[in-house]
Amino acid sequence: MRIDCHVHIVGTGTGDTGCWYRPKGLTRVGEPFLVKAVGLTVRELHGPEFDQLYIRKLLDFIRGSSVDRAVLLAHELPHTEDGTALPERSSLYVPNECVLKLSQDHPEFLAGVSIHPARKDAMEELEKCLAGGAAALKCLPNVQGIDWNNPRYTAFLERMAEAGLPLLAHTGSERTMPVMDHALASPRVLTRALEIGVKCIAAHCGTGMMVLDPDYFDVFAEMLAKHPNLYGDNSALAGLSFRLRPSALRTMISASMDGRILHGSDLPVPPSGLLPWAFGMIEWEDFMDSRGIANPLERDAHLKRMMGFSETSFTRAASVLRGVK
């Protein structure tokens, strides 16, 4: 089974989804490109049926691609350590109920829930999500202010490990949403979770935007050798993010990382072969072929194959995620 382990939900709350969208910074600048990536318009984004249109597009993309299922990601609010929510620091919100219901209604979807462990009801929310069929827990430590090495979160992580719920955590650069703590971009934020026994997926493998941000790929590779329950995903690495260096790609597709990298698109971030071609990671013909693929999920998958990622990267998530049949 081929799984895209990194697909974002964006919603404005139409149809009582509970989502909201209040873009800040580069999220506002990139808004036209994000909605265009899924075949929609800014007018539809602000229209009365956006959430339903977005979901229909995702279903069409999956059904028309070589990917069988996709993990839809909820998006938690930033919190302080005392559990105070900070909605003013977020560009969007997607409640767990939204992705859980979508995964129950459509076999193409898997639920990637999101819970800040400082929430006063964090354990209760975790149990509710486990009962609802959560396949993974997604977080952005540097954006949401989550230091998983904090001993206060031990019980939460122990329950995740017991339930077999993997932690999909953003690592490396983040330029689209306000960042609470830049130091939490390092994959080392996952150390305690790994030691407790939680399967962890370092989204983007710790890569950083060239020139602008620190790159933690070497840290990720070092940790991968120490922790058999650590994985990475290649989301946003076939795009215009300036994250991926040719040397890092060679390592990701090498025998030493075989089976430890999972496929992820990062939709609605638009996939593009321009930088992979410019940096010599794909041939011109592959770049031109990708431009003819209208389906963004399939275009991203095609580019990843041309970049050298094996079929294992597409199927590995089935054995990492919780409850995949």
Protein backbone atom coordinates (compact mmCIF):
# COMPACT_ATOMS: atom_id res chain seq x y z
CA MET A 1 0.00 0.00 0.00
CA ARG A 2 1.41 3.37 -1.03
CA ILE A 3 0.79 6.13 1.49
CA ASP A 4 1.41 9.87 1.42
CA CYS A 5 2.12 10.52 5.10
CA HIS A 6 2.03 14.33 4.97
CA VAL A 7 -1.05 16.08 3.55
CA HIS A 8 -2.42 19.23 5.16
CA ILE A 9 -6.03 20.18 5.65
CA VAL A 10 -6.83 23.84 5.15
CA GLY A 11 -10.32 24.96 6.06
CA THR A 12 -12.30 28.08 6.82
CA GLY A 13 -15.08 26.41 8.80
CA THR A 14 -17.65 25.94 6.05
CA GLY A 15 -19.89 22.94 6.69
CA ASP A 16 -19.16 23.09 10.42
CA THR A 17 -15.70 21.55 10.10
CA GLY A 18 -14.41 23.61 13.01
CA CYS A 19 -11.42 24.77 10.99
CA TRP A 20 -10.28 28.36 10.64
CA TYR A 21 -7.75 30.17 8.51
CA ARG A 22 -6.16 33.50 9.50
CA PRO A 23 -3.00 33.83 7.41
CA LYS A 24 0.02 35.68 8.75
CA GLY A 25 3.36 36.53 7.16
CA LEU A 26 4.39 34.30 4.26
CA THR A 27 1.19 32.28 4.58
CA ARG A 28 -0.68 35.34 3.34
CA VAL A 29 1.87 35.96 0.58
CA GLY A 30 1.73 32.34 -0.57
CA GLU A 31 -2.06 32.05 -0.37
CA PRO A 32 -2.70 32.25 -4.17
CA PHE A 33 -0.06 29.58 -4.83
CA LEU A 34 -1.37 27.22 -2.16
CA VAL A 35 -4.96 27.26 -3.38
CA LYS A 36 -3.81 27.04 -7.01
CA ALA A 37 -1.79 23.94 -6.11
CA VAL A 38 -5.04 22.12 -5.33
CA GLY A 39 -6.91 23.49 -8.34
CA LEU A 40 -8.91 26.11 -6.44
CA THR A 41 -9.01 29.90 -6.40
CA VAL A 42 -8.70 32.62 -3.77
CA ARG A 43 -12.34 33.45 -4.44
CA GLU A 44 -13.31 29.88 -3.57
CA LEU A 45 -11.09 30.05 -0.48
CA HIS A 46 -13.31 32.83 0.82
CA GLY A 47 -16.52 31.27 -0.47
CA PRO A 48 -19.28 29.31 1.30
CA GLU A 49 -18.10 25.77 0.39
CA PHE A 50 -14.32 25.89 0.56
CA ASP A 51 -13.78 23.05 3.04
CA GLN A 52 -15.98 20.68 1.06
CA LEU A 53 -14.33 21.67 -2.23
CA TYR A 54 -10.89 21.08 -0.72
CA ILE A 55 -11.79 17.59 0.50
CA ARG A 56 -13.31 16.64 -2.86
CA LYS A 57 -10.11 17.75 -4.57
CA LEU A 58 -8.00 15.61 -2.24
CA LEU A 59 -10.17 12.58 -2.89
CA ASP A 60 -9.90 13.12 -6.64
CA PHE A 61 -6.12 13.49 -6.40
CA ILE A 62 -5.71 10.25 -4.45
CA ARG A 63 -8.04 8.29 -6.70
CA GLY A 64 -6.22 9.58 -9.77
CA SER A 65 -2.71 8.88 -8.50
CA SER A 66 -0.37 6.00 -7.72
CA VAL A 67 -0.89 6.76 -4.01
CA ASP A 68 -3.52 4.65 -2.24
CA ARG A 69 -4.08 6.64 0.94
CA ALA A 70 -3.04 9.92 2.56
CA VAL A 71 -2.56 11.01 6.16
CA LEU A 72 -4.62 14.18 6.72
CA LEU A 73 -3.05 16.42 9.33
CA ALA A 74 -4.89 18.26 12.06
CA HIS A 75 -3.25 21.49 13.23
CA GLU A 76 -3.03 22.30 16.95
CA LEU A 77 -2.73 25.80 18.39
CA PRO A 78 0.52 27.01 19.97
CA HIS A 79 0.46 26.80 23.77
CA THR A 80 2.56 28.06 26.63
CA GLU A 81 4.05 25.54 29.07
CA ASP A 82 1.21 26.21 31.51
CA GLY A 83 -1.32 25.08 28.88
CA THR A 84 -2.55 28.50 27.73
CA ALA A 85 -3.63 28.40 24.08
CA LEU A 86 -2.30 31.15 21.82
CA PRO A 87 -4.63 31.35 18.80
CA GLU A 88 -3.24 34.78 17.91
CA ARG A 89 0.10 33.09 17.13
CA SER A 90 -1.37 30.73 14.53
CA SER A 91 -2.29 31.06 10.87
CA LEU A 92 -4.72 28.16 10.90
CA TYR A 93 -6.47 25.60 13.05
CA VAL A 94 -7.76 22.14 12.16
CA PRO A 95 -9.45 20.21 15.02
CA ASN A 96 -8.89 16.53 15.56
CA GLU A 97 -12.60 15.82 15.11
CA CYS A 98 -12.29 16.98 11.50
CA VAL A 99 -9.57 14.54 10.43
CA LEU A 100 -10.98 11.69 12.51
CA LYS A 101 -14.38 12.03 10.84
CA LEU A 102 -12.85 12.27 7.37
CA SER A 103 -10.85 9.10 7.99
CA GLN A 104 -14.00 7.31 9.15
CA ASP A 105 -16.00 8.49 6.14
CA HIS A 106 -13.39 7.87 3.44
CA PRO A 107 -11.02 4.86 3.27
CA GLU A 108 -8.55 7.00 1.29
CA PHE A 109 -7.81 9.08 4.39
CA LEU A 110 -5.89 8.35 7.58
CA ALA A 111 -6.11 10.65 10.60
CA GLY A 112 -3.05 12.58 11.72
CA VAL A 113 -4.24 14.19 14.93
CA SER A 114 -2.49 17.06 16.72
CA ILE A 115 -2.35 17.55 20.50
CA HIS A 116 -0.16 19.94 22.46
CA PRO A 117 1.00 17.90 25.49
CA ALA A 118 0.77 20.99 27.75
CA ARG A 119 -3.00 21.13 27.29
CA LYS A 120 -4.82 20.58 30.54
CA ASP A 121 -6.92 17.91 28.80
CA ALA A 122 -4.06 16.43 26.77
CA MET A 123 -4.39 12.89 28.09
CA GLU A 124 -8.16 12.88 27.66
CA GLU A 125 -7.80 14.19 24.12
CA LEU A 126 -5.19 11.55 23.37
CA GLU A 127 -7.51 8.77 24.54
CA LYS A 128 -10.35 10.20 22.46
CA CYS A 129 -8.15 10.29 19.37
CA LEU A 130 -6.90 6.75 19.93
CA ALA A 131 -10.48 5.53 20.22
CA GLY A 132 -11.36 7.44 17.04
CA GLY A 133 -8.69 5.71 14.98
CA ALA A 134 -5.74 8.09 14.96
CA ALA A 135 -2.90 6.84 12.74
CA ALA A 136 -0.27 9.37 13.89
CA LEU A 137 0.16 12.51 15.97
CA LYS A 138 1.46 15.57 14.10
CA CYS A 139 3.19 18.57 15.62
CA LEU A 140 5.39 21.53 14.72
CA PRO A 141 7.56 21.86 17.84
CA ASN A 142 9.12 25.20 16.89
CA VAL A 143 5.76 26.70 15.87
CA GLN A 144 3.58 25.27 18.62
CA GLY A 145 6.15 25.55 21.41
CA ILE A 146 6.56 21.83 22.17
CA ASP A 147 9.81 20.59 23.71
CA TRP A 148 9.25 16.84 23.81
CA ASN A 149 12.33 16.49 26.03
CA ASN A 150 10.45 18.18 28.87
CA PRO A 151 9.97 15.54 31.62
CA ARG A 152 6.41 16.84 32.14
CA TYR A 153 5.41 15.09 28.92
CA THR A 154 6.72 11.65 29.92
CA ALA A 155 3.31 10.14 30.70
CA PHE A 156 1.90 11.43 27.42
CA LEU A 157 4.78 9.89 25.46
CA GLU A 158 4.56 6.63 27.37
CA ARG A 159 0.89 6.34 26.42
CA MET A 160 1.76 7.02 22.78
CA ALA A 161 4.41 4.31 22.84
CA GLU A 162 2.01 1.85 24.50
CA ALA A 163 -0.66 2.56 21.87
CA GLY A 164 1.77 2.39 18.94
CA LEU A 165 0.93 5.96 17.90
CA PRO A 166 3.84 7.47 15.96
CA LEU A 167 4.91 11.10 16.32
CA LEU A 168 5.25 13.00 13.04
CA ALA A 169 7.17 16.15 13.93
CA HIS A 170 8.24 19.06 11.75
CA THR A 171 12.02 19.47 11.82
CA GLY A 172 14.17 22.10 10.13
CA SER A 173 13.09 25.37 8.54
CA GLU A 174 9.68 26.92 8.99
CA ARG A 175 9.00 30.13 7.09
CA THR A 176 5.24 30.03 6.52
CA MET A 177 4.00 30.37 10.12
CA PRO A 178 5.10 32.33 13.22
CA VAL A 179 7.84 30.47 15.13
CA MET A 180 7.79 30.38 18.94
CA ASP A 181 11.20 28.81 19.54
CA HIS A 182 13.74 28.38 16.72
CA ALA A 183 15.83 25.95 18.79
CA LEU A 184 13.00 23.39 18.60
CA ALA A 185 13.63 22.96 14.86
CA SER A 186 16.38 20.42 15.60
CA PRO A 187 15.52 16.69 15.42
CA ARG A 188 17.06 16.46 18.90
CA VAL A 189 13.67 17.63 20.19
CA LEU A 190 12.59 14.01 19.62
CA THR A 191 15.32 12.39 21.76
CA ARG A 192 13.22 11.65 24.85
CA ALA A 193 10.29 10.38 22.77
CA LEU A 194 12.62 7.97 20.97
CA GLU A 195 14.17 6.78 24.23
CA ILE A 196 10.70 6.13 25.67
CA GLY A 197 9.89 3.98 22.63
CA VAL A 198 7.72 6.22 20.46
CA LYS A 199 8.17 5.75 16.74
CA CYS A 200 9.10 9.20 15.42
CA ILE A 201 9.02 10.58 11.88
CA ALA A 202 11.18 13.68 11.41
CA ALA A 203 9.33 15.59 8.72
CA HIS A 204 11.69 17.08 6.12
CA CYS A 205 14.60 15.17 7.75
CA GLY A 206 15.78 18.30 9.54
CA THR A 207 16.62 20.14 6.33
CA GLY A 208 16.94 23.93 6.43
CA MET A 209 16.31 26.61 3.86
CA MET A 210 19.64 27.37 2.23
CA VAL A 211 21.45 30.51 3.45
CA LEU A 212 18.54 31.58 5.70
CA ASP A 213 18.22 28.79 8.27
CA PRO A 214 20.34 26.18 10.06
CA ASP A 215 20.36 22.76 8.45
CA TYR A 216 19.97 19.79 10.78
CA PHE A 217 20.22 16.98 8.24
CA ASP A 218 23.52 15.76 9.71
CA VAL A 219 21.88 15.69 13.15
CA PHE A 220 19.02 13.63 11.70
CA ALA A 221 21.46 11.18 10.07
CA GLU A 222 23.40 10.83 13.34
CA MET A 223 20.23 10.15 15.30
CA LEU A 224 18.99 7.68 12.68
CA ALA A 225 22.03 5.51 13.33
CA LYS A 226 21.30 5.47 17.08
CA HIS A 227 17.53 5.07 17.13
CA PRO A 228 15.89 2.23 15.16
CA ASN A 229 12.46 3.78 15.84
CA LEU A 230 13.35 7.03 14.01
CA TYR A 231 12.27 7.71 10.44
CA GLY A 232 12.20 10.74 8.16
CA ASP A 233 9.82 11.92 5.50
CA ASN A 234 10.67 13.61 2.20
CA SER A 235 7.78 16.09 2.29
CA ALA A 236 8.39 19.45 0.58
CA LEU A 237 11.68 18.19 -0.85
CA ALA A 238 10.41 18.25 -4.45
CA GLY A 239 9.48 21.91 -4.47
CA LEU A 240 10.74 25.46 -4.27
CA SER A 241 11.65 25.36 -0.57
CA PHE A 242 15.45 25.50 -1.08
CA ARG A 243 15.71 22.75 1.55
CA LEU A 244 17.31 19.90 -0.32
CA ARG A 245 21.00 19.80 -1.18
CA PRO A 246 22.28 17.19 -3.67
CA SER A 247 24.56 15.72 -0.98
CA ALA A 248 21.60 15.21 1.36
CA LEU A 249 19.58 13.55 -1.41
CA ARG A 250 22.43 11.14 -2.14
CA THR A 251 22.43 10.13 1.52
CA MET A 252 18.63 9.79 1.71
CA ILE A 253 18.50 7.38 -1.22
CA SER A 254 21.60 5.43 -0.16
CA ALA A 255 21.59 1.94 1.30
CA SER A 256 22.31 3.37 4.75
CA MET A 257 18.88 5.05 4.86
CA ASP A 258 16.98 2.45 2.88
CA GLY A 259 13.61 1.83 4.50
CA ARG A 260 13.88 4.77 6.90
CA ILE A 261 12.49 7.51 4.62
CA LEU A 262 8.73 7.77 4.11
CA HIS A 263 6.95 9.43 1.22
CA GLY A 264 5.15 12.70 1.92
CA SER A 265 4.02 15.49 -0.38
CA ASP A 266 3.24 18.40 2.02
CA LEU A 267 0.25 19.36 -0.13
CA PRO A 268 -0.95 22.14 -0.58
CA VAL A 269 2.71 23.17 -0.87
CA PRO A 270 3.07 22.99 -4.66
CA PRO A 271 5.49 20.37 -6.01
CA SER A 272 7.98 21.56 -8.61
CA GLY A 273 10.93 19.93 -10.34
CA LEU A 274 12.64 23.24 -11.10
CA LEU A 275 15.11 23.21 -8.22
CA PRO A 276 15.78 19.45 -8.38
CA TRP A 277 16.66 19.96 -12.07
CA ALA A 278 18.68 23.12 -11.43
CA PHE A 279 20.74 21.32 -8.75
CA GLY A 280 21.30 18.28 -10.97
CA MET A 281 19.04 15.91 -9.04
CA ILE A 282 16.80 15.06 -12.01
CA GLU A 283 17.21 15.23 -15.78
CA TRP A 284 15.64 17.92 -17.96
CA GLU A 285 13.34 15.36 -19.54
CA ASP A 286 12.07 14.32 -16.11
CA PHE A 287 11.42 17.93 -15.22
CA MET A 288 9.44 18.48 -18.41
CA ASP A 289 7.51 15.25 -17.93
CA SER A 290 6.51 16.35 -14.43
CA ARG A 291 5.12 19.62 -15.74
CA GLY A 292 2.61 17.65 -17.77
CA ILE A 293 1.14 15.95 -14.67
CA ALA A 294 -1.82 18.03 -13.51
CA ASN A 295 -2.50 16.01 -10.35
CA PRO A 296 -0.18 17.50 -7.68
CA LEU A 297 -0.04 14.31 -5.60
CA GLU A 298 1.04 12.31 -8.63
CA ARG A 299 3.46 15.03 -9.79
CA ASP A 300 5.15 14.94 -6.40
CA ALA A 301 5.30 11.13 -6.45
CA HIS A 302 6.73 11.18 -9.98
CA LEU A 303 9.42 13.68 -8.98
CA LYS A 304 10.38 11.65 -5.92
CA ARG A 305 10.82 8.56 -8.07
CA MET A 306 12.95 10.51 -10.57
CA MET A 307 15.04 11.83 -7.67
CA GLY A 308 15.84 8.24 -6.72
CA PHE A 309 13.50 7.42 -3.85
CA SER A 310 12.60 3.75 -3.96
CA GLU A 311 9.18 2.14 -3.86
CA THR A 312 9.96 1.27 -0.25
CA SER A 313 9.58 4.94 0.63
CA PHE A 314 5.98 4.81 -0.61
CA THR A 315 5.05 1.63 1.26
CA ARG A 316 7.06 1.92 4.48
CA ALA A 317 4.43 4.07 6.24
CA ALA A 318 2.02 1.12 6.32
CA SER A 319 4.24 -0.54 8.93
CA VAL A 320 4.99 2.68 10.85
CA LEU A 321 1.53 4.22 11.19
CA ARG A 322 -1.00 2.94 13.69
CA GLY A 323 -3.87 0.72 12.61
CA VAL A 324 -3.21 0.61 8.86
CA LYS A 325 -4.89 -2.37 7.21
